[in-house]
Amino acid sequence: MTIKHLTVQQAHQQQSAGAAYLDVRSIPEFQQGHPEGAFNIPLLHMDPGSGQMRPNPEFIDVVRRTFAPETNLVVGCKMGGRSAQACELLAGAGYSNVSNVLGGYGGAPQQGHIGWSQAGLPIETAADPAREYETLRKKAPGDR
């Protein structure tokens, strides 16, 4: 399956049309600000001991508990790298409608992509707890 790539404006249009925005940045990054209405399921977690990012072993399980495989998912991170990796994992797990957000939340100027925050698109710093990772993680399997 080919992963689609969207600009932040296209991602916002998709979200306005009913797509779910999946922010795969770490919890602290998400808490500092994110696209309005985004769900946070980190691809990587910051290891408090080493300060290094490490894979989130529950990523696919939590996505499965949160979104049906046919859900239109717009996947973003800070610049577009982690979200591209997440899209590949999701496609491999049976998700058929995933799109990577080029430039993510913070922008990727070296690749010529502006980020969600630079584009002046709607952002929020306080998420609905129902869209935060700890809440999504605690959902029972099959409980979407």
N, C-alpha and C. Protein backbone atom coordinates (compact mmCIF):
# COMPACT_ATOMS: atom_id res chain seq x y z
N MET A 1 0.84 -1.19 0.00
CA MET A 1 0.00 0.00 0.00
C MET A 1 0.88 1.24 0.00
N THR A 2 0.53 2.21 -0.77
CA THR A 2 1.26 3.46 -0.83
C THR A 2 0.72 4.41 0.23
N ILE A 3 1.63 5.02 0.98
CA ILE A 3 1.23 6.00 1.98
C ILE A 3 1.02 7.33 1.29
N LYS A 4 -0.09 7.99 1.56
CA LYS A 4 -0.36 9.31 1.01
C LYS A 4 0.38 10.35 1.86
N HIS A 5 0.79 11.43 1.24
CA HIS A 5 1.44 12.54 1.95
C HIS A 5 0.61 13.79 1.72
N LEU A 6 0.34 14.51 2.79
CA LEU A 6 -0.49 15.71 2.73
C LEU A 6 0.25 16.91 3.30
N THR A 7 -0.03 18.09 2.76
CA THR A 7 0.44 19.32 3.40
C THR A 7 -0.42 19.53 4.65
N VAL A 8 -0.01 20.44 5.51
CA VAL A 8 -0.82 20.69 6.70
C VAL A 8 -2.19 21.24 6.33
N GLN A 9 -2.26 22.04 5.26
CA GLN A 9 -3.56 22.56 4.84
C GLN A 9 -4.47 21.43 4.36
N GLN A 10 -3.90 20.48 3.59
CA GLN A 10 -4.69 19.33 3.13
C GLN A 10 -5.12 18.47 4.32
N ALA A 11 -4.22 18.31 5.29
CA ALA A 11 -4.55 17.52 6.49
C ALA A 11 -5.71 18.18 7.24
N HIS A 12 -5.68 19.50 7.35
CA HIS A 12 -6.76 20.21 8.03
C HIS A 12 -8.08 20.03 7.29
N GLN A 13 -8.03 20.08 5.96
CA GLN A 13 -9.24 19.86 5.16
C GLN A 13 -9.78 18.45 5.39
N GLN A 14 -8.88 17.44 5.41
CA GLN A 14 -9.29 16.06 5.66
C GLN A 14 -9.94 15.95 7.05
N GLN A 15 -9.30 16.58 8.04
CA GLN A 15 -9.83 16.52 9.40
C GLN A 15 -11.20 17.19 9.45
N SER A 16 -11.36 18.32 8.78
CA SER A 16 -12.65 19.02 8.75
C SER A 16 -13.73 18.16 8.09
N ALA A 17 -13.30 17.26 7.19
CA ALA A 17 -14.23 16.38 6.49
C ALA A 17 -14.47 15.06 7.24
N GLY A 18 -13.91 14.95 8.45
CA GLY A 18 -14.20 13.76 9.26
C GLY A 18 -13.02 12.85 9.56
N ALA A 19 -11.85 13.12 8.99
CA ALA A 19 -10.68 12.28 9.31
C ALA A 19 -10.25 12.52 10.76
N ALA A 20 -9.64 11.52 11.35
CA ALA A 20 -9.10 11.66 12.71
C ALA A 20 -7.63 12.06 12.59
N TYR A 21 -7.20 13.07 13.35
CA TYR A 21 -5.79 13.48 13.38
C TYR A 21 -5.13 12.70 14.50
N LEU A 22 -4.16 11.86 14.13
CA LEU A 22 -3.40 11.06 15.10
C LEU A 22 -2.03 11.69 15.25
N ASP A 23 -1.76 12.27 16.43
CA ASP A 23 -0.48 12.90 16.74
C ASP A 23 0.38 11.84 17.41
N VAL A 24 1.50 11.47 16.78
CA VAL A 24 2.34 10.39 17.29
C VAL A 24 3.56 10.93 18.05
N ARG A 25 3.54 12.22 18.39
CA ARG A 25 4.64 12.79 19.18
C ARG A 25 4.54 12.30 20.63
N SER A 26 5.61 12.54 21.38
CA SER A 26 5.63 12.14 22.79
C SER A 26 4.59 12.94 23.58
N ILE A 27 4.24 12.43 24.74
CA ILE A 27 3.23 13.08 25.59
C ILE A 27 3.63 14.53 25.91
N PRO A 28 4.89 14.81 26.36
CA PRO A 28 5.24 16.21 26.64
C PRO A 28 5.14 17.12 25.41
N GLU A 29 5.51 16.61 24.23
CA GLU A 29 5.38 17.42 23.01
C GLU A 29 3.92 17.74 22.74
N PHE A 30 3.06 16.73 22.88
CA PHE A 30 1.62 16.91 22.64
C PHE A 30 1.05 17.94 23.61
N GLN A 31 1.47 17.88 24.88
CA GLN A 31 0.94 18.79 25.90
C GLN A 31 1.35 20.24 25.65
N GLN A 32 2.45 20.45 24.94
CA GLN A 32 2.89 21.81 24.65
C GLN A 32 2.05 22.48 23.56
N GLY A 33 1.29 21.70 22.83
CA GLY A 33 0.43 22.23 21.77
C GLY A 33 0.29 21.20 20.66
N HIS A 34 -0.89 21.16 20.05
CA HIS A 34 -1.18 20.17 19.01
C HIS A 34 -2.36 20.66 18.17
N PRO A 35 -2.54 20.03 17.00
CA PRO A 35 -3.70 20.40 16.20
C PRO A 35 -4.99 20.18 16.99
N GLU A 36 -5.89 21.12 16.85
CA GLU A 36 -7.18 21.02 17.56
C GLU A 36 -7.85 19.70 17.20
N GLY A 37 -8.33 18.99 18.20
CA GLY A 37 -9.04 17.73 17.98
C GLY A 37 -8.17 16.51 17.82
N ALA A 38 -6.84 16.67 17.94
CA ALA A 38 -5.92 15.55 17.72
C ALA A 38 -5.99 14.52 18.85
N PHE A 39 -5.74 13.27 18.48
CA PHE A 39 -5.59 12.17 19.43
C PHE A 39 -4.09 11.93 19.59
N ASN A 40 -3.63 11.64 20.81
CA ASN A 40 -2.20 11.42 21.04
C ASN A 40 -1.92 9.95 21.36
N ILE A 41 -1.24 9.28 20.43
CA ILE A 41 -0.74 7.93 20.67
C ILE A 41 0.73 7.97 20.23
N PRO A 42 1.67 8.15 21.18
CA PRO A 42 3.08 8.30 20.80
C PRO A 42 3.66 7.05 20.14
N LEU A 43 4.44 7.28 19.07
CA LEU A 43 5.19 6.21 18.45
C LEU A 43 6.40 5.88 19.32
N LEU A 44 6.97 6.91 19.94
CA LEU A 44 8.14 6.78 20.80
C LEU A 44 7.87 7.48 22.13
N HIS A 45 8.51 6.99 23.18
CA HIS A 45 8.44 7.63 24.49
C HIS A 45 9.84 8.13 24.86
N MET A 46 9.88 9.22 25.60
CA MET A 46 11.15 9.69 26.13
C MET A 46 11.49 8.84 27.34
N ASP A 47 12.68 8.25 27.34
CA ASP A 47 13.15 7.48 28.49
C ASP A 47 13.68 8.47 29.52
N PRO A 48 13.03 8.54 30.70
CA PRO A 48 13.45 9.55 31.68
C PRO A 48 14.89 9.35 32.16
N GLY A 49 15.34 8.11 32.18
CA GLY A 49 16.69 7.84 32.65
C GLY A 49 17.76 8.29 31.68
N SER A 50 17.59 7.94 30.41
CA SER A 50 18.64 8.22 29.42
C SER A 50 18.38 9.48 28.62
N GLY A 51 17.13 9.97 28.62
CA GLY A 51 16.79 11.11 27.79
C GLY A 51 16.63 10.74 26.33
N GLN A 52 16.74 9.45 26.01
CA GLN A 52 16.63 8.96 24.63
C GLN A 52 15.18 8.56 24.34
N MET A 53 14.82 8.62 23.06
CA MET A 53 13.50 8.16 22.65
C MET A 53 13.56 6.65 22.45
N ARG A 54 12.51 5.97 22.91
CA ARG A 54 12.45 4.52 22.74
C ARG A 54 11.07 4.16 22.19
N PRO A 55 10.98 3.06 21.42
CA PRO A 55 9.68 2.70 20.82
C PRO A 55 8.61 2.44 21.88
N ASN A 56 7.39 2.81 21.53
CA ASN A 56 6.23 2.53 22.37
C ASN A 56 5.72 1.15 21.98
N PRO A 57 5.92 0.14 22.84
CA PRO A 57 5.52 -1.23 22.47
C PRO A 57 4.01 -1.39 22.33
N GLU A 58 3.23 -0.46 22.85
CA GLU A 58 1.77 -0.56 22.80
C GLU A 58 1.15 0.24 21.65
N PHE A 59 1.99 0.85 20.81
CA PHE A 59 1.47 1.76 19.78
C PHE A 59 0.33 1.15 18.96
N ILE A 60 0.59 0.02 18.30
CA ILE A 60 -0.44 -0.58 17.42
C ILE A 60 -1.66 -1.02 18.24
N ASP A 61 -1.44 -1.61 19.41
CA ASP A 61 -2.57 -2.07 20.24
C ASP A 61 -3.48 -0.91 20.62
N VAL A 62 -2.89 0.23 21.01
CA VAL A 62 -3.71 1.37 21.42
C VAL A 62 -4.43 1.97 20.21
N VAL A 63 -3.76 2.03 19.07
CA VAL A 63 -4.43 2.52 17.86
C VAL A 63 -5.61 1.60 17.53
N ARG A 64 -5.41 0.29 17.62
CA ARG A 64 -6.50 -0.66 17.31
C ARG A 64 -7.68 -0.47 18.25
N ARG A 65 -7.42 -0.18 19.52
CA ARG A 65 -8.52 0.02 20.48
C ARG A 65 -9.23 1.35 20.25
N THR A 66 -8.55 2.28 19.57
CA THR A 66 -9.10 3.63 19.39
C THR A 66 -9.77 3.82 18.05
N PHE A 67 -9.21 3.23 17.00
CA PHE A 67 -9.70 3.46 15.63
C PHE A 67 -9.91 2.16 14.88
N ALA A 68 -11.04 2.08 14.16
CA ALA A 68 -11.29 0.93 13.28
C ALA A 68 -10.31 0.99 12.11
N PRO A 69 -9.97 -0.18 11.51
CA PRO A 69 -9.00 -0.22 10.42
C PRO A 69 -9.38 0.63 9.20
N GLU A 70 -10.67 0.91 9.02
CA GLU A 70 -11.08 1.70 7.86
C GLU A 70 -11.12 3.20 8.14
N THR A 71 -10.80 3.60 9.37
CA THR A 71 -10.81 5.03 9.73
C THR A 71 -9.84 5.81 8.86
N ASN A 72 -10.28 6.98 8.41
CA ASN A 72 -9.40 7.89 7.68
C ASN A 72 -8.50 8.56 8.72
N LEU A 73 -7.22 8.16 8.75
CA LEU A 73 -6.28 8.69 9.74
C LEU A 73 -5.28 9.63 9.07
N VAL A 74 -5.19 10.83 9.61
CA VAL A 74 -4.19 11.81 9.21
C VAL A 74 -3.16 11.77 10.33
N VAL A 75 -1.93 11.37 10.01
CA VAL A 75 -0.92 11.09 11.04
C VAL A 75 0.17 12.16 11.00
N GLY A 76 0.36 12.81 12.15
CA GLY A 76 1.36 13.86 12.22
C GLY A 76 2.29 13.71 13.41
N CYS A 77 3.46 14.34 13.31
CA CYS A 77 4.42 14.39 14.41
C CYS A 77 4.99 15.80 14.44
N LYS A 78 6.27 15.96 14.74
CA LYS A 78 6.86 17.30 14.79
C LYS A 78 7.23 17.81 13.40
N MET A 79 7.88 16.94 12.58
CA MET A 79 8.36 17.36 11.27
C MET A 79 7.91 16.47 10.12
N GLY A 80 7.49 15.24 10.41
CA GLY A 80 7.02 14.32 9.37
C GLY A 80 7.75 12.99 9.34
N GLY A 81 8.82 12.83 10.11
CA GLY A 81 9.58 11.58 10.11
C GLY A 81 8.93 10.46 10.89
N ARG A 82 8.61 10.73 12.16
CA ARG A 82 7.96 9.71 12.98
C ARG A 82 6.60 9.35 12.41
N SER A 83 5.88 10.34 11.88
CA SER A 83 4.55 10.05 11.33
C SER A 83 4.64 9.17 10.09
N ALA A 84 5.69 9.37 9.28
CA ALA A 84 5.88 8.49 8.11
C ALA A 84 6.12 7.06 8.57
N GLN A 85 6.94 6.91 9.61
CA GLN A 85 7.21 5.58 10.18
C GLN A 85 5.92 4.98 10.74
N ALA A 86 5.14 5.79 11.45
CA ALA A 86 3.87 5.32 12.02
C ALA A 86 2.91 4.87 10.91
N CYS A 87 2.87 5.62 9.80
CA CYS A 87 1.99 5.25 8.68
C CYS A 87 2.37 3.88 8.13
N GLU A 88 3.68 3.62 8.02
CA GLU A 88 4.13 2.31 7.53
C GLU A 88 3.68 1.20 8.48
N LEU A 89 3.84 1.42 9.77
CA LEU A 89 3.41 0.42 10.77
C LEU A 89 1.90 0.20 10.71
N LEU A 90 1.15 1.29 10.60
CA LEU A 90 -0.31 1.19 10.55
C LEU A 90 -0.77 0.46 9.29
N ALA A 91 -0.14 0.78 8.15
CA ALA A 91 -0.49 0.08 6.90
C ALA A 91 -0.21 -1.40 7.06
N GLY A 92 0.91 -1.74 7.69
CA GLY A 92 1.25 -3.14 7.92
C GLY A 92 0.30 -3.84 8.87
N ALA A 93 -0.39 -3.05 9.72
CA ALA A 93 -1.34 -3.60 10.68
C ALA A 93 -2.76 -3.62 10.13
N GLY A 94 -2.92 -3.29 8.83
CA GLY A 94 -4.24 -3.40 8.21
C GLY A 94 -5.00 -2.10 8.07
N TYR A 95 -4.40 -0.97 8.41
CA TYR A 95 -5.08 0.32 8.23
C TYR A 95 -4.92 0.73 6.77
N SER A 96 -6.05 0.96 6.12
CA SER A 96 -6.03 1.15 4.67
C SER A 96 -6.13 2.61 4.24
N ASN A 97 -6.36 3.52 5.17
CA ASN A 97 -6.57 4.92 4.80
C ASN A 97 -5.76 5.82 5.72
N VAL A 98 -4.42 5.77 5.57
CA VAL A 98 -3.54 6.59 6.41
C VAL A 98 -2.77 7.58 5.54
N SER A 99 -2.61 8.78 6.05
CA SER A 99 -1.87 9.83 5.34
C SER A 99 -0.87 10.46 6.29
N ASN A 100 0.34 10.69 5.79
CA ASN A 100 1.39 11.34 6.55
C ASN A 100 1.30 12.85 6.34
N VAL A 101 1.41 13.61 7.43
CA VAL A 101 1.38 15.07 7.35
C VAL A 101 2.81 15.59 7.17
N LEU A 102 3.11 16.11 5.99
CA LEU A 102 4.42 16.67 5.70
C LEU A 102 4.61 17.95 6.52
N GLY A 103 5.72 18.05 7.23
CA GLY A 103 5.97 19.23 8.04
C GLY A 103 5.41 19.13 9.44
N GLY A 104 4.48 18.18 9.67
CA GLY A 104 3.95 17.95 11.01
C GLY A 104 3.49 19.20 11.73
N TYR A 105 3.74 19.23 13.02
CA TYR A 105 3.29 20.36 13.85
C TYR A 105 4.30 21.50 13.81
N GLY A 106 5.58 21.16 13.80
CA GLY A 106 6.62 22.18 13.93
C GLY A 106 7.26 22.64 12.64
N GLY A 107 7.01 21.94 11.54
CA GLY A 107 7.58 22.32 10.25
C GLY A 107 8.89 21.61 9.96
N ALA A 108 9.18 21.47 8.68
CA ALA A 108 10.43 20.87 8.21
C ALA A 108 10.99 21.78 7.13
N PRO A 109 11.56 22.93 7.54
CA PRO A 109 12.00 23.92 6.55
C PRO A 109 13.04 23.40 5.57
N GLN A 110 13.89 22.47 6.02
CA GLN A 110 14.91 21.93 5.12
C GLN A 110 14.28 21.11 4.00
N GLN A 111 13.04 20.66 4.18
CA GLN A 111 12.33 19.94 3.12
C GLN A 111 11.27 20.82 2.45
N GLY A 112 11.20 22.07 2.88
CA GLY A 112 10.26 22.99 2.27
C GLY A 112 8.83 22.86 2.74
N HIS A 113 8.63 22.28 3.94
CA HIS A 113 7.27 22.09 4.45
C HIS A 113 7.05 22.95 5.69
N ILE A 114 5.96 23.72 5.67
CA ILE A 114 5.63 24.46 6.88
C ILE A 114 4.82 23.56 7.80
N GLY A 115 4.87 23.84 9.08
CA GLY A 115 4.15 23.05 10.06
C GLY A 115 2.78 23.62 10.36
N TRP A 116 1.99 22.81 11.04
CA TRP A 116 0.63 23.18 11.44
C TRP A 116 0.64 24.51 12.19
N SER A 117 1.57 24.66 13.15
CA SER A 117 1.58 25.88 13.96
C SER A 117 1.95 27.11 13.12
N GLN A 118 2.88 26.99 12.15
CA GLN A 118 3.26 28.13 11.31
C GLN A 118 2.14 28.50 10.33
N ALA A 119 1.33 27.53 9.96
CA ALA A 119 0.28 27.76 8.96
C ALA A 119 -0.93 28.49 9.56
N GLY A 120 -0.91 28.68 10.88
CA GLY A 120 -2.02 29.38 11.52
C GLY A 120 -3.28 28.53 11.62
N LEU A 121 -3.12 27.21 11.56
CA LEU A 121 -4.27 26.32 11.68
C LEU A 121 -4.65 26.18 13.16
N PRO A 122 -5.88 25.73 13.45
CA PRO A 122 -6.34 25.69 14.84
C PRO A 122 -5.49 24.75 15.71
N ILE A 123 -5.05 25.29 16.85
CA ILE A 123 -4.26 24.49 17.80
C ILE A 123 -4.89 24.59 19.18
N GLU A 124 -4.50 23.66 20.03
CA GLU A 124 -4.94 23.68 21.43
C GLU A 124 -3.79 23.18 22.29
N THR A 125 -3.77 23.63 23.53
CA THR A 125 -2.75 23.14 24.46
C THR A 125 -3.36 22.21 25.49
N ALA A 126 -4.65 22.35 25.72
CA ALA A 126 -5.34 21.44 26.64
C ALA A 126 -6.25 20.54 25.81
N ALA A 127 -5.95 19.26 25.82
CA ALA A 127 -6.76 18.32 25.05
C ALA A 127 -7.92 17.81 25.90
N ASP A 128 -8.95 17.38 25.23
CA ASP A 128 -10.00 16.63 25.89
C ASP A 128 -9.32 15.37 26.44
N PRO A 129 -9.46 15.09 27.75
CA PRO A 129 -8.80 13.91 28.31
C PRO A 129 -9.10 12.62 27.54
N ALA A 130 -10.24 12.56 26.86
CA ALA A 130 -10.60 11.36 26.09
C ALA A 130 -9.67 11.16 24.90
N ARG A 131 -8.91 12.18 24.50
CA ARG A 131 -8.00 12.08 23.36
C ARG A 131 -6.54 12.00 23.81
N GLU A 132 -6.30 11.97 25.11
CA GLU A 132 -4.93 11.88 25.63
C GLU A 132 -4.51 10.42 25.75
N TYR A 133 -3.21 10.20 25.64
CA TYR A 133 -2.69 8.83 25.57
C TYR A 133 -3.07 7.99 26.79
N GLU A 134 -2.94 8.52 27.99
CA GLU A 134 -3.22 7.69 29.17
C GLU A 134 -4.66 7.18 29.17
N THR A 135 -5.60 8.00 28.72
CA THR A 135 -7.00 7.58 28.64
C THR A 135 -7.17 6.53 27.54
N LEU A 136 -6.59 6.79 26.36
CA LEU A 136 -6.72 5.85 25.24
C LEU A 136 -6.09 4.51 25.58
N ARG A 137 -4.97 4.55 26.30
CA ARG A 137 -4.24 3.33 26.67
C ARG A 137 -5.09 2.44 27.58
N LYS A 138 -5.94 3.05 28.38
CA LYS A 138 -6.71 2.29 29.38
C LYS A 138 -8.01 1.71 28.82
N LYS A 139 -8.33 2.04 27.57
CA LYS A 139 -9.54 1.48 26.97
C LYS A 139 -9.43 -0.03 26.89
N ALA A 140 -10.54 -0.67 27.07
CA ALA A 140 -10.56 -2.14 26.94
C ALA A 140 -10.43 -2.52 25.47
N PRO A 141 -9.79 -3.64 25.16
CA PRO A 141 -9.70 -4.07 23.76
C PRO A 141 -11.09 -4.11 23.12
N GLY A 142 -11.17 -3.59 21.92
CA GLY A 142 -12.45 -3.59 21.19
C GLY A 142 -13.41 -2.50 21.61
N ASP A 143 -12.99 -1.65 22.56
CA ASP A 143 -13.85 -0.58 23.08
C ASP A 143 -13.47 0.74 22.39
N ARG A 144 -14.05 1.02 21.24
CA ARG A 144 -13.70 2.23 20.48
C ARG A 144 -14.56 3.40 20.90
